[in-house]
Protein backbone atom coordinates (compact mmCIF):
# COMPACT_ATOMS: atom_id res chain seq x y z
CA MET A 1 184.80 -108.13 140.85
CA LYS A 2 185.24 -110.77 138.20
CA LEU A 3 187.80 -109.94 135.50
CA ILE A 4 187.12 -110.74 131.84
CA SER A 5 189.96 -112.67 130.22
CA PRO A 6 191.61 -111.33 127.09
CA LEU A 7 190.22 -114.33 125.15
CA ASN A 8 186.67 -113.65 126.21
CA MET A 9 187.08 -109.97 125.47
CA SER A 10 188.32 -110.79 122.01
CA LEU A 11 185.38 -113.14 121.41
CA ALA A 12 182.89 -110.54 122.56
CA THR A 13 184.45 -107.91 120.34
CA SER A 14 184.31 -110.24 117.32
CA MET A 15 180.69 -111.14 117.94
CA ALA A 16 179.72 -107.49 118.21
CA MET A 17 181.46 -106.60 114.96
CA THR A 18 179.81 -109.58 113.21
CA ALA A 19 176.44 -108.39 114.36
CA VAL A 20 177.07 -104.91 112.99
CA LEU A 21 178.17 -106.28 109.64
CA LEU A 22 175.16 -108.56 109.42
CA ILE A 23 172.76 -105.76 110.12
CA THR A 24 174.43 -103.30 107.73
CA GLY A 25 174.91 -106.05 105.18
CA CYS A 26 171.23 -106.78 105.21
CA ALA A 27 170.56 -103.11 104.65
CA SER A 28 173.00 -102.98 101.74
CA SER A 29 171.41 -106.12 100.30
CA SER A 30 168.07 -104.31 100.24
CA ASN A 31 169.64 -101.46 98.24
CA SER A 32 171.35 -103.84 95.85
CA SER A 33 168.18 -105.85 95.16
CA ASP A 34 166.46 -102.61 94.35
CA SER A 35 169.02 -101.80 91.64
CA THR A 36 167.09 -103.60 88.96
CA THR A 37 166.53 -102.90 85.29
CA GLY A 38 163.99 -100.19 84.41
CA SER A 39 161.24 -102.61 83.40
CA ALA A 40 161.47 -104.41 86.75
CA SER A 41 161.56 -101.19 88.80
CA ALA A 42 158.57 -99.85 86.97
CA ALA A 43 156.50 -102.78 88.14
CA ALA A 44 157.76 -102.75 91.76
CA PRO A 45 155.20 -101.73 94.34
CA ALA A 46 155.95 -98.66 96.41
CA LYS A 47 156.79 -99.06 100.09
CA THR A 48 154.48 -97.56 102.63
CA GLY A 49 154.66 -93.80 102.46
CA GLU A 50 156.27 -93.69 99.06
CA PRO A 51 154.50 -92.55 95.90
CA GLN A 52 153.84 -95.28 93.36
CA ILE A 53 156.44 -95.43 90.63
CA PRO A 54 154.60 -94.51 87.41
CA ALA A 55 154.09 -97.30 84.90
CA LEU A 56 156.20 -97.30 81.77
CA PRO A 57 154.52 -95.92 78.65
CA ALA A 58 152.53 -98.45 76.61
CA ASN A 59 154.59 -100.86 74.46
CA VAL A 60 157.83 -99.84 76.13
CA THR A 61 160.18 -102.55 77.45
CA LEU A 62 163.55 -101.57 78.82
CA HIS A 63 166.78 -103.53 78.43
CA LYS A 64 170.21 -102.91 79.89
CA ASP A 65 172.74 -101.09 77.71
CA LYS A 66 176.29 -100.98 79.11
CA ASP A 67 176.10 -98.67 82.20
CA ILE A 68 172.45 -97.72 81.73
CA GLN A 69 170.13 -99.96 83.74
CA GLY A 70 167.25 -99.75 81.22
CA VAL A 71 166.69 -98.24 77.76
CA TRP A 72 164.13 -98.31 75.00
CA LEU A 73 164.39 -96.73 71.53
CA ALA A 74 161.63 -96.25 68.99
CA PRO A 75 162.32 -98.31 65.82
CA GLY A 76 164.86 -96.55 63.62
CA PHE A 77 165.68 -93.78 66.15
CA ASN A 78 169.34 -93.02 66.92
CA PHE A 79 169.68 -89.33 68.00
CA LYS A 80 171.26 -88.24 64.67
CA GLY A 81 170.18 -85.24 62.61
CA TYR A 82 168.81 -83.03 65.37
CA GLU A 83 169.75 -79.40 65.73
CA ALA A 84 169.16 -79.15 69.48
CA LEU A 85 168.43 -81.04 72.67
CA PHE A 86 166.36 -79.24 75.32
CA VAL A 87 166.60 -80.66 78.86
CA GLU A 88 163.48 -79.65 80.74
CA PRO A 89 163.37 -79.05 84.52
CA THR A 90 163.62 -82.26 86.48
CA LYS A 91 160.49 -83.59 88.16
CA PHE A 92 160.40 -85.41 91.53
CA ASN A 93 158.21 -88.43 92.19
CA ALA A 94 159.89 -90.24 95.10
CA GLU A 95 159.48 -90.32 98.85
CA MET A 96 159.89 -86.87 100.40
CA ARG A 97 161.67 -87.05 103.75
CA ASN A 98 161.79 -84.02 106.01
CA ASN A 99 165.54 -84.41 106.68
CA GLU A 100 166.41 -84.46 103.00
CA THR A 101 165.02 -81.13 101.80
CA LYS A 102 168.33 -79.48 101.03
CA GLU A 103 169.77 -82.51 99.26
CA ARG A 104 166.53 -83.19 97.36
CA GLU A 105 166.35 -79.63 95.99
CA ALA A 106 170.05 -79.73 95.02
CA THR A 107 169.59 -83.08 93.25
CA ILE A 108 166.59 -81.83 91.29
CA ARG A 109 168.65 -78.88 90.09
CA ASP A 110 171.92 -80.75 89.48
CA VAL A 111 170.43 -83.61 87.45
CA GLN A 112 169.30 -81.14 84.80
CA LEU A 113 172.52 -79.13 84.83
CA ALA A 114 174.76 -82.23 84.74
CA ILE A 115 172.90 -83.79 81.81
CA VAL A 116 173.11 -80.53 79.88
CA SER A 117 176.90 -80.26 80.48
CA ALA A 118 177.58 -83.92 79.61
CA ALA A 119 175.44 -83.85 76.50
CA GLN A 120 177.15 -80.66 75.29
CA ALA A 121 180.53 -82.38 75.56
CA THR A 122 179.55 -85.22 73.18
CA GLY A 123 179.07 -82.99 70.16
CA VAL A 124 176.07 -85.03 69.07
CA PHE A 125 173.79 -81.94 69.16
CA PRO A 126 174.89 -78.48 67.94
CA THR A 127 172.82 -76.96 70.75
CA VAL A 128 172.14 -78.33 74.19
CA THR A 129 170.34 -76.17 76.71
CA ALA A 130 168.19 -76.32 79.82
CA GLY A 131 164.57 -75.48 79.32
CA SER A 132 161.78 -76.07 76.81
CA PRO A 133 162.09 -75.78 73.00
CA THR A 134 161.98 -72.21 71.79
CA THR A 135 162.33 -72.81 68.10
CA ALA A 136 160.47 -74.81 65.44
CA GLY A 137 163.67 -76.51 64.22
CA LYS A 138 164.35 -80.22 64.38
CA ALA A 139 164.92 -80.69 68.10
CA LEU A 140 164.51 -83.18 70.95
CA ARG A 141 163.17 -82.45 74.39
CA LEU A 142 164.14 -84.51 77.38
CA GLN A 143 162.01 -84.91 80.48
CA ASN A 144 163.60 -86.42 83.60
CA THR A 145 161.80 -87.62 86.71
CA ILE A 146 163.56 -88.72 89.92
CA ILE A 147 161.68 -91.87 90.94
CA LYS A 148 163.91 -92.92 93.88
CA PHE A 149 165.97 -90.74 96.17
CA GLU A 150 167.87 -91.23 99.48
CA LYS A 151 170.55 -88.92 100.76
CA GLY A 152 172.32 -91.63 102.72
CA GLY A 153 174.06 -91.46 106.06
CA GLY A 154 177.67 -91.10 107.14
CA ALA A 155 177.44 -93.32 110.19
CA ALA A 156 176.25 -96.32 108.22
CA ARG A 157 178.91 -95.68 105.56
CA TYR A 158 181.61 -95.55 108.17
CA TRP A 159 180.84 -99.09 109.30
CA ALA A 160 179.77 -100.79 106.07
CA GLY A 161 179.76 -98.30 103.24
CA ILE A 162 181.85 -100.68 101.14
CA TYR A 163 178.74 -102.98 101.06
CA GLY A 164 176.44 -100.16 100.13
CA ALA A 165 175.09 -99.26 103.55
CA GLY A 166 174.47 -95.51 104.01
CA GLN A 167 175.22 -94.64 100.39
CA PRO A 168 173.02 -92.03 98.71
CA HIS A 169 170.69 -93.36 96.02
CA VAL A 170 169.27 -91.61 93.02
CA ARG A 171 167.23 -93.20 90.20
CA VAL A 172 166.15 -91.17 87.17
CA ARG A 173 163.64 -92.05 84.46
CA GLY A 174 163.97 -90.06 81.27
CA GLU A 175 161.69 -89.71 78.28
CA VAL A 176 162.90 -88.15 74.98
CA PHE A 177 160.40 -86.62 72.56
CA ASP A 178 160.57 -85.53 68.93
CA ALA A 179 157.78 -82.94 69.03
CA ASP A 180 155.05 -85.07 70.72
CA LYS A 181 156.41 -88.43 69.60
CA LEU A 182 158.16 -90.58 72.26
CA VAL A 183 161.42 -91.81 70.81
CA CYS A 184 163.46 -92.93 73.84
CA VAL A 185 162.92 -94.02 77.45
CA TYR A 186 165.61 -94.83 79.99
CA GLU A 187 166.16 -95.50 83.63
CA VAL A 188 169.57 -94.93 85.21
CA GLU A 189 170.53 -95.06 88.84
CA ARG A 190 173.65 -94.53 90.96
CA SER A 191 174.48 -95.21 94.60
CA GLY A 192 177.98 -94.44 95.85
CA GLU A 193 179.60 -95.15 92.50
CA GLY A 194 182.53 -92.75 92.35
CA GLY A 195 185.07 -90.63 94.18
CA GLY A 196 185.98 -93.33 96.73
CA ALA A 197 182.46 -93.42 98.26
CA ARG A 198 182.64 -97.17 98.99
CA MET A 199 186.08 -97.10 100.64
CA PHE A 200 186.04 -93.65 102.25
CA GLY A 201 182.36 -92.75 102.38
CA GLY A 202 182.32 -92.47 106.17
CA PHE A 203 184.61 -89.44 105.78
CA MET A 204 182.71 -87.83 102.90
CA SER A 205 179.51 -85.75 103.03
CA ASP A 206 176.23 -86.83 101.52
CA ASP A 207 176.40 -83.83 99.19
CA ASN A 208 179.81 -84.79 97.93
CA ILE A 209 178.84 -88.41 97.12
CA LEU A 210 175.55 -87.34 95.57
CA GLY A 211 177.34 -84.85 93.35
CA ASN A 212 179.72 -87.51 92.13
CA ASP A 213 176.88 -89.92 91.46
CA ILE A 214 174.90 -87.35 89.47
CA ARG A 215 177.89 -86.44 87.35
CA ASP A 216 178.58 -90.14 86.71
CA LEU A 217 174.94 -90.73 85.83
CA ALA A 218 174.94 -87.79 83.36
CA SER A 219 178.30 -88.84 81.83
CA ASP A 220 177.10 -92.41 81.22
CA LEU A 221 173.80 -91.11 79.76
CA ALA A 222 175.65 -88.77 77.38
CA ASP A 223 177.88 -91.68 76.34
CA PHE A 224 174.72 -93.68 75.48
CA PHE A 225 173.53 -90.80 73.32
CA LYS A 226 176.89 -90.73 71.49
CA ARG A 227 177.21 -94.51 71.04
CA THR A 228 173.64 -94.75 69.74
CA SER A 229 174.11 -91.91 67.26
CA ALA A 230 177.17 -93.66 65.83
CA LYS A 231 175.19 -96.76 64.86
């Protein structure tokens, strides 16, 4: 029996680890390249088996605004002077995988609840609630649609989560209406952004990371409402 020298063993181990990082690095590069501005994502073709991402409304062009990947505001609109914001139930228009049912349903629910909670904390609107408008007062209604969703995977995060591999991914497009008039469009996405997901994601559940990402998404969106209303 031929023995393998310590040097050869070390080289083999290094080569194996390099291969793992290259593979997972490529996967993370794919996720990173997909994290584009809203206008670019709206034009991107769907992968096989995925629903087509709806086109943006006519005459809407998104631009980056701080931590929001893409925003558009109707001329002169700034969120001020409204009595209420109604956040309607979240819609889902992304690939539906059989192994993501629980996480998908939780995300649909949590996006709405997190945005309600974060918007309430800003004080921009006297009333913020989930549901459709129930009064004739001056109010905004917010419709959110999840247009990309992946729950992620702990094994990939363990090996290369710091590069984005295995991280959950959620992208939301929102449309804000004053009665039937469209006044704001945004796209915001998160993928392993908070709670140590990049460094320690291999030891965290998909649900935990998704929850942190949704809260971060909602907080940044609410901050956008507040900053815009102060202009």
